[in-house]
Amino acid sequence: MDSRIARARSIIDSEADAVRRVGQRIDASFEQVVDRILELPGRVVTAGMGKAGIIAQKISATFASTGTPSIFLHPAEAIHGDLGRVTSGDLLLAMSKSGETEEVLRLLAPVKAVDVPVVAMTQSRDSTLGRHADAVLEIGEVDEAGNFRLAPSCSTTAMIALGDALALVVQECRNFGPEDFARFHPGGDLGRRLMKVEELMRKDDRNPRVQTGATVIEALRIMTSTPGRPGATSVVDPDGKLIGFFTDGDLRRMLESKGHGNLDEVAIDEYMTRDPMTLDPDTFAMEALAYLASKNIDQTPVVGARGELVGLLDVQDLIDLKVVG
């Protein structure tokens, strides 16, 4: 094996070991910090210098995206005015491997003066930061990876894992679910997958429908005149409740069994699919996609709580929004 490949694997193994060890160190202090955050009227303010500062920014972003208001405070900027960002009701999560980072330590007195509790994420509760914090999340003694063991690597990996664990446990305690997550992630692939059918379905004049008793030719006119030409139409009763669904496939099967005949005299009720498969408007897009795939269908009606037709979902709508893939 190439020595560079072996070294790369060794470095990754070292970081994985650091994560395993930090997981084994989690104790009652972790639960206390979770409780403090859940009771906060304000925000989780993260702080750190250098690589620890980058990790602190990431952890703050994770908190913010999972239901816990959070900001990052740069320790060096804090003493030049940014301390005004921290107010009573907040909590400071201060990160330093050694627990001796001067810029981080200088934050302690001013934030405590405005009654902000301090949680330290550091290697030892016996460090200066650990001794002056209200709670400590220990990462333990961590040897960095690489020949000279100088560049922050294992320690920052351990910090990010511990920070993610903290943020995600808090998320679970808040019962912060997919619906809430979608609200904070409206853009990109994740946002698209967490959209609901109600936002994607074809409705109003793009939602084809005919009344029970209509003829096949009337249904075909609706299908071809509807914007987007969906190749299907729902069949509803006089109250607007869905009773059937008629597709191009149904038309082909009808012609194979009956021949062309006079479609003006053929009732749609005779060849529609009764009690068709449907979707609820509150279904998430990714769930709808899985449903269409499992049933091997391209379209399905969307119905409300009382069985009323509210829309039509076409797999093409999911493809256009790049929910697929």
Protein backbone atom coordinates (compact mmCIF):
# COMPACT_ATOMS: atom_id res chain seq x y z
CA MET A 1 0.00 0.00 0.00
CA ASP A 2 1.20 3.50 -0.83
CA SER A 3 2.60 5.10 2.35
CA ARG A 4 0.51 8.22 1.76
CA ILE A 5 -2.68 6.17 1.75
CA ALA A 6 -1.59 4.42 4.93
CA ARG A 7 -0.83 7.76 6.59
CA ALA A 8 -4.19 9.19 5.55
CA ARG A 9 -5.99 6.20 7.03
CA SER A 10 -3.94 6.50 10.20
CA ILE A 11 -4.90 10.16 10.58
CA ILE A 12 -8.58 9.38 10.07
CA ASP A 13 -8.33 6.52 12.59
CA SER A 14 -6.79 8.94 15.10
CA GLU A 15 -9.65 11.39 14.68
CA ALA A 16 -12.22 8.60 14.93
CA ASP A 17 -10.60 7.45 18.19
CA ALA A 18 -10.81 11.01 19.54
CA VAL A 19 -14.53 11.10 18.80
CA ARG A 20 -15.09 7.73 20.48
CA ARG A 21 -13.21 8.87 23.57
CA VAL A 22 -15.13 12.12 23.86
CA GLY A 23 -18.35 10.15 23.61
CA GLN A 24 -17.27 7.97 26.53
CA ARG A 25 -16.58 11.09 28.63
CA ILE A 26 -20.13 12.43 28.43
CA ASP A 27 -21.60 12.53 31.92
CA ALA A 28 -24.15 14.35 34.07
CA SER A 29 -22.58 17.70 33.15
CA PHE A 30 -23.88 17.22 29.64
CA GLU A 31 -27.43 16.82 30.91
CA GLN A 32 -27.06 19.94 33.04
CA VAL A 33 -25.94 21.96 30.03
CA VAL A 34 -28.87 20.64 27.98
CA ASP A 35 -31.27 21.74 30.73
CA ARG A 36 -29.66 25.18 30.92
CA ILE A 37 -30.08 25.67 27.18
CA LEU A 38 -33.69 24.48 27.19
CA GLU A 39 -34.51 27.01 29.91
CA LEU A 40 -32.73 29.91 28.19
CA PRO A 41 -34.84 32.98 27.42
CA GLY A 42 -32.02 34.20 25.16
CA ARG A 43 -29.42 32.70 22.84
CA VAL A 44 -26.48 30.34 22.90
CA VAL A 45 -23.45 32.53 22.19
CA THR A 46 -20.48 30.49 20.99
CA ALA A 47 -16.90 31.77 21.11
CA GLY A 48 -13.44 30.48 20.27
CA MET A 49 -10.17 31.56 18.65
CA GLY A 50 -8.43 30.10 15.62
CA LYS A 51 -9.61 26.62 14.61
CA ALA A 52 -11.76 26.42 17.74
CA GLY A 53 -13.45 29.62 16.57
CA ILE A 54 -14.31 28.02 13.24
CA ILE A 55 -15.81 25.06 15.08
CA ALA A 56 -17.72 27.47 17.33
CA GLN A 57 -19.23 29.13 14.25
CA LYS A 58 -20.34 25.76 12.91
CA ILE A 59 -21.91 24.74 16.22
CA SER A 60 -23.72 28.07 16.45
CA ALA A 61 -25.12 27.48 12.95
CA THR A 62 -26.28 24.00 13.97
CA PHE A 63 -28.05 25.38 17.03
CA ALA A 64 -29.73 28.10 14.96
CA SER A 65 -30.93 25.66 12.30
CA THR A 66 -32.40 23.23 14.83
CA GLY A 67 -34.54 25.58 16.90
CA THR A 68 -32.12 27.21 19.34
CA PRO A 69 -31.33 30.90 18.70
CA SER A 70 -27.56 31.31 18.54
CA ILE A 71 -24.81 33.69 17.43
CA PHE A 72 -21.03 33.47 17.21
CA LEU A 73 -18.97 36.03 19.12
CA HIS A 74 -15.35 36.57 18.06
CA PRO A 75 -13.37 36.95 21.32
CA ALA A 76 -10.95 39.52 19.90
CA GLU A 77 -13.77 41.65 18.49
CA ALA A 78 -15.76 41.27 21.71
CA ILE A 79 -13.38 43.45 23.72
CA HIS A 80 -13.66 46.17 21.07
CA GLY A 81 -17.41 46.62 21.33
CA ASP A 82 -19.03 43.35 20.30
CA LEU A 83 -19.66 42.41 23.94
CA GLY A 84 -22.80 44.46 23.50
CA ARG A 85 -24.17 41.47 21.56
CA VAL A 86 -24.33 39.45 24.78
CA THR A 87 -27.15 40.21 27.20
CA SER A 88 -28.72 38.75 30.29
CA GLY A 89 -30.65 35.64 29.35
CA ASP A 90 -27.93 34.38 27.01
CA LEU A 91 -25.45 31.57 27.64
CA LEU A 92 -21.81 31.63 26.55
CA LEU A 93 -20.36 28.40 25.15
CA ALA A 94 -16.61 29.11 25.24
CA MET A 95 -14.34 26.74 23.34
CA SER A 96 -10.61 26.26 23.86
CA LYS A 97 -8.64 23.03 23.73
CA SER A 98 -6.14 24.12 26.35
CA GLY A 99 -8.56 26.22 28.34
CA GLU A 100 -5.84 28.88 28.49
CA THR A 101 -6.60 30.94 25.37
CA GLU A 102 -6.11 34.54 26.50
CA GLU A 103 -8.78 36.12 24.30
CA VAL A 104 -11.38 33.63 25.49
CA LEU A 105 -10.46 34.07 29.15
CA ARG A 106 -10.88 37.84 28.82
CA LEU A 107 -14.56 37.28 28.01
CA LEU A 108 -15.37 35.64 31.32
CA ALA A 109 -15.53 38.61 33.69
CA PRO A 110 -17.58 40.91 31.45
CA VAL A 111 -20.16 38.27 30.51
CA LYS A 112 -20.54 37.12 34.10
CA ALA A 113 -21.06 40.77 35.06
CA VAL A 114 -24.30 40.74 33.02
CA ASP A 115 -25.38 37.45 34.57
CA VAL A 116 -24.55 35.26 31.58
CA PRO A 117 -23.60 31.68 32.56
CA VAL A 118 -20.47 30.19 30.96
CA VAL A 119 -20.16 26.66 29.62
CA ALA A 120 -16.62 25.62 28.77
CA MET A 121 -15.72 23.09 26.11
CA THR A 122 -12.12 22.22 26.87
CA GLN A 123 -9.80 19.32 27.60
CA SER A 124 -9.89 19.65 31.38
CA ARG A 125 -12.12 21.18 34.02
CA ASP A 126 -8.88 21.99 35.87
CA SER A 127 -7.84 24.50 33.19
CA THR A 128 -8.35 28.21 33.86
CA LEU A 129 -11.40 28.24 31.60
CA GLY A 130 -12.78 25.12 33.24
CA ARG A 131 -12.32 26.47 36.77
CA HIS A 132 -14.16 29.69 35.99
CA ALA A 133 -17.01 28.15 34.01
CA ASP A 134 -20.42 27.30 35.42
CA ALA A 135 -20.35 23.94 33.62
CA VAL A 136 -17.68 22.04 31.69
CA LEU A 137 -17.90 19.71 28.69
CA GLU A 138 -14.55 17.91 28.73
CA ILE A 139 -12.97 16.57 25.57
CA GLY A 140 -10.09 15.11 27.59
CA GLU A 141 -6.41 15.02 26.72
CA VAL A 142 -6.28 14.77 22.94
CA ASP A 143 -3.17 14.12 20.86
CA GLU A 144 -3.39 15.73 17.45
CA ALA A 145 -2.89 13.69 14.29
CA GLY A 146 0.10 13.89 11.96
CA ASN A 147 3.84 13.39 12.39
CA PHE A 148 4.40 16.44 14.56
CA ARG A 149 0.98 16.46 16.27
CA LEU A 150 0.80 20.24 16.05
CA ALA A 151 -2.09 21.21 13.79
CA PRO A 152 -5.52 21.14 15.47
CA SER A 153 -7.15 18.02 14.05
CA CYS A 154 -8.27 15.41 16.58
CA SER A 155 -9.19 18.11 19.09
CA THR A 156 -11.34 20.08 16.66
CA THR A 157 -12.99 16.88 15.43
CA ALA A 158 -13.82 15.96 19.03
CA MET A 159 -15.20 19.46 19.65
CA ILE A 160 -17.41 19.43 16.59
CA ALA A 161 -18.78 15.99 17.50
CA LEU A 162 -19.51 17.07 21.07
CA GLY A 163 -21.07 20.33 19.87
CA ASP A 164 -23.26 18.48 17.37
CA ALA A 165 -24.34 16.05 20.09
CA LEU A 166 -25.31 18.98 22.32
CA ALA A 167 -27.26 20.82 19.64
CA LEU A 168 -29.07 17.72 18.38
CA VAL A 169 -30.01 16.45 21.84
CA VAL A 170 -31.46 19.90 22.57
CA GLN A 171 -33.32 19.68 19.25
CA GLU A 172 -34.85 16.34 20.26
CA CYS A 173 -35.84 17.69 23.66
CA ARG A 174 -37.65 20.55 21.92
CA ASN A 175 -39.51 18.06 19.68
CA PHE A 176 -38.18 20.09 16.78
CA GLY A 177 -39.31 18.03 13.79
CA PRO A 178 -39.22 18.04 9.98
CA GLU A 179 -41.89 20.75 9.74
CA ASP A 180 -39.84 23.12 11.90
CA PHE A 181 -36.68 22.14 10.07
CA ALA A 182 -38.26 22.99 6.72
CA ARG A 183 -39.13 26.46 7.98
CA PHE A 184 -35.45 27.16 8.69
CA HIS A 185 -34.20 25.53 5.46
CA PRO A 186 -36.30 26.97 2.63
CA GLY A 187 -33.53 26.85 0.06
CA GLY A 188 -31.45 24.17 -1.60
CA ASP A 189 -31.98 20.43 -1.83
CA LEU A 190 -32.98 20.05 1.81
CA GLY A 191 -35.60 22.77 1.59
CA ARG A 192 -37.07 21.27 -1.55
CA ARG A 193 -37.33 17.82 -0.03
CA LEU A 194 -39.06 19.25 3.03
CA MET A 195 -41.63 21.16 1.04
CA LYS A 196 -45.16 19.87 1.35
CA VAL A 197 -47.43 18.51 -1.34
CA GLU A 198 -49.71 21.50 -0.79
CA GLU A 199 -46.92 23.76 -2.06
CA LEU A 200 -46.19 21.60 -5.11
CA MET A 201 -49.57 20.30 -6.27
CA ARG A 202 -51.48 21.60 -9.25
CA LYS A 203 -54.64 23.37 -8.15
CA ASP A 204 -57.44 25.62 -9.37
CA ASP A 205 -57.42 25.72 -13.20
CA ARG A 206 -54.37 23.41 -13.31
CA ASN A 207 -56.25 20.69 -11.41
CA PRO A 208 -58.45 18.85 -13.95
CA ARG A 209 -61.78 17.46 -12.79
CA VAL A 210 -65.10 16.29 -14.20
CA GLN A 211 -68.39 15.51 -12.52
CA THR A 212 -69.58 11.95 -12.11
CA GLY A 213 -71.74 11.04 -15.11
CA ALA A 214 -69.56 12.97 -17.57
CA THR A 215 -68.63 11.25 -20.81
CA VAL A 216 -65.17 10.07 -21.74
CA ILE A 217 -64.97 12.68 -24.50
CA GLU A 218 -65.73 15.42 -21.94
CA ALA A 219 -62.96 14.06 -19.75
CA LEU A 220 -60.54 14.07 -22.67
CA ARG A 221 -61.39 17.70 -23.43
CA ILE A 222 -60.63 18.63 -19.83
CA MET A 223 -57.37 16.69 -19.84
CA THR A 224 -56.10 18.31 -23.03
CA SER A 225 -57.26 21.85 -22.22
CA THR A 226 -55.83 21.95 -18.68
CA PRO A 227 -52.55 23.89 -18.49
CA GLY A 228 -49.67 21.44 -18.50
CA ARG A 229 -51.87 18.75 -20.08
CA PRO A 230 -51.47 16.34 -17.16
CA GLY A 231 -52.89 13.29 -18.95
CA ALA A 232 -55.36 12.55 -16.16
CA THR A 233 -58.46 13.94 -14.54
CA SER A 234 -60.15 13.45 -11.21
CA VAL A 235 -63.84 12.58 -11.04
CA VAL A 236 -65.86 14.22 -8.27
CA ASP A 237 -69.40 14.09 -6.93
CA PRO A 238 -71.62 17.21 -6.76
CA ASP A 239 -70.06 18.10 -3.39
CA GLY A 240 -66.54 18.07 -4.84
CA LYS A 241 -65.50 14.82 -3.16
CA LEU A 242 -63.20 12.54 -5.09
CA ILE A 243 -64.80 9.34 -6.31
CA GLY A 244 -62.50 8.34 -9.16
CA PHE A 245 -59.46 9.02 -11.33
CA PHE A 246 -59.13 8.60 -15.09
CA THR A 247 -55.77 8.54 -16.90
CA ASP A 248 -54.33 8.06 -20.37
CA GLY A 249 -53.67 4.48 -19.33
CA ASP A 250 -57.34 3.96 -18.53
CA LEU A 251 -58.21 5.34 -21.96
CA ARG A 252 -55.87 2.89 -23.71
CA ARG A 253 -57.25 -0.03 -21.75
CA MET A 254 -60.79 1.09 -22.57
CA LEU A 255 -60.06 1.28 -26.30
CA GLU A 256 -58.39 -2.13 -26.24
CA SER A 257 -61.46 -3.71 -24.62
CA LYS A 258 -64.26 -1.68 -26.22
CA GLY A 259 -62.83 -0.36 -29.47
CA HIS A 260 -63.21 3.22 -30.58
CA GLY A 261 -67.00 3.41 -30.48
CA ASN A 262 -68.73 6.71 -29.73
CA LEU A 263 -66.89 8.28 -26.81
CA ASP A 264 -69.72 10.83 -26.47
CA GLU A 265 -71.89 8.00 -25.19
CA VAL A 266 -69.42 6.32 -22.82
CA ALA A 267 -69.72 7.39 -19.17
CA ILE A 268 -66.43 8.15 -17.39
CA ASP A 269 -67.72 6.26 -14.33
CA GLU A 270 -67.54 3.00 -16.23
CA TYR A 271 -63.79 3.14 -16.85
CA MET A 272 -62.36 5.39 -14.13
CA THR A 273 -60.40 3.94 -11.20
CA ARG A 274 -62.70 4.08 -8.19
CA ASP A 275 -61.29 4.98 -4.77
CA PRO A 276 -57.89 5.81 -6.27
CA MET A 277 -54.66 6.17 -4.31
CA THR A 278 -54.34 9.71 -2.98
CA LEU A 279 -52.02 12.00 -1.06
CA ASP A 280 -52.64 14.33 1.85
CA PRO A 281 -51.65 17.98 1.25
CA ASP A 282 -49.48 17.90 4.42
CA THR A 283 -47.30 15.09 3.04
CA PHE A 284 -43.65 16.05 2.60
CA ALA A 285 -42.28 16.11 -0.94
CA MET A 286 -39.72 13.38 -0.25
CA GLU A 287 -42.46 11.14 1.16
CA ALA A 288 -44.67 11.85 -1.86
CA LEU A 289 -41.83 10.91 -4.18
CA ALA A 290 -41.31 7.61 -2.38
CA TYR A 291 -45.05 6.96 -2.51
CA LEU A 292 -45.30 7.53 -6.28
CA ALA A 293 -42.28 5.32 -6.86
CA SER A 294 -43.61 2.52 -4.65
CA LYS A 295 -46.95 2.51 -6.50
CA ASN A 296 -45.27 2.91 -9.91
CA ILE A 297 -47.52 5.84 -10.80
CA ASP A 298 -46.78 9.30 -12.19
CA GLN A 299 -49.81 11.21 -10.86
CA THR A 300 -52.19 11.11 -7.97
CA PRO A 301 -55.06 13.25 -6.67
CA VAL A 302 -54.59 15.21 -3.47
CA VAL A 303 -57.56 15.24 -1.10
CA GLY A 304 -58.43 17.14 2.06
CA ALA A 305 -59.62 15.84 5.41
CA ARG A 306 -63.23 15.40 4.22
CA GLY A 307 -62.27 13.64 1.01
CA GLU A 308 -62.65 16.77 -1.11
CA LEU A 309 -60.39 17.13 -4.14
CA VAL A 310 -57.82 19.89 -3.57
CA GLY A 311 -55.13 19.20 -6.15
CA LEU A 312 -53.15 16.91 -8.40
CA LEU A 313 -49.51 15.93 -7.88
CA ASP A 314 -47.48 14.92 -10.92
CA VAL A 315 -44.02 13.39 -10.62
CA GLN A 316 -42.91 15.99 -13.16
CA ASP A 317 -43.53 18.68 -10.52
CA LEU A 318 -41.03 16.93 -8.25
CA ILE A 319 -38.51 16.58 -11.07
CA ASP A 320 -38.84 20.25 -12.03
CA LEU A 321 -38.07 21.30 -8.46
CA LYS A 322 -35.19 18.81 -8.30
CA VAL A 323 -36.73 16.86 -5.45
CA VAL A 324 -35.78 13.79 -7.48
CA GLY A 325 -32.11 12.74 -7.26
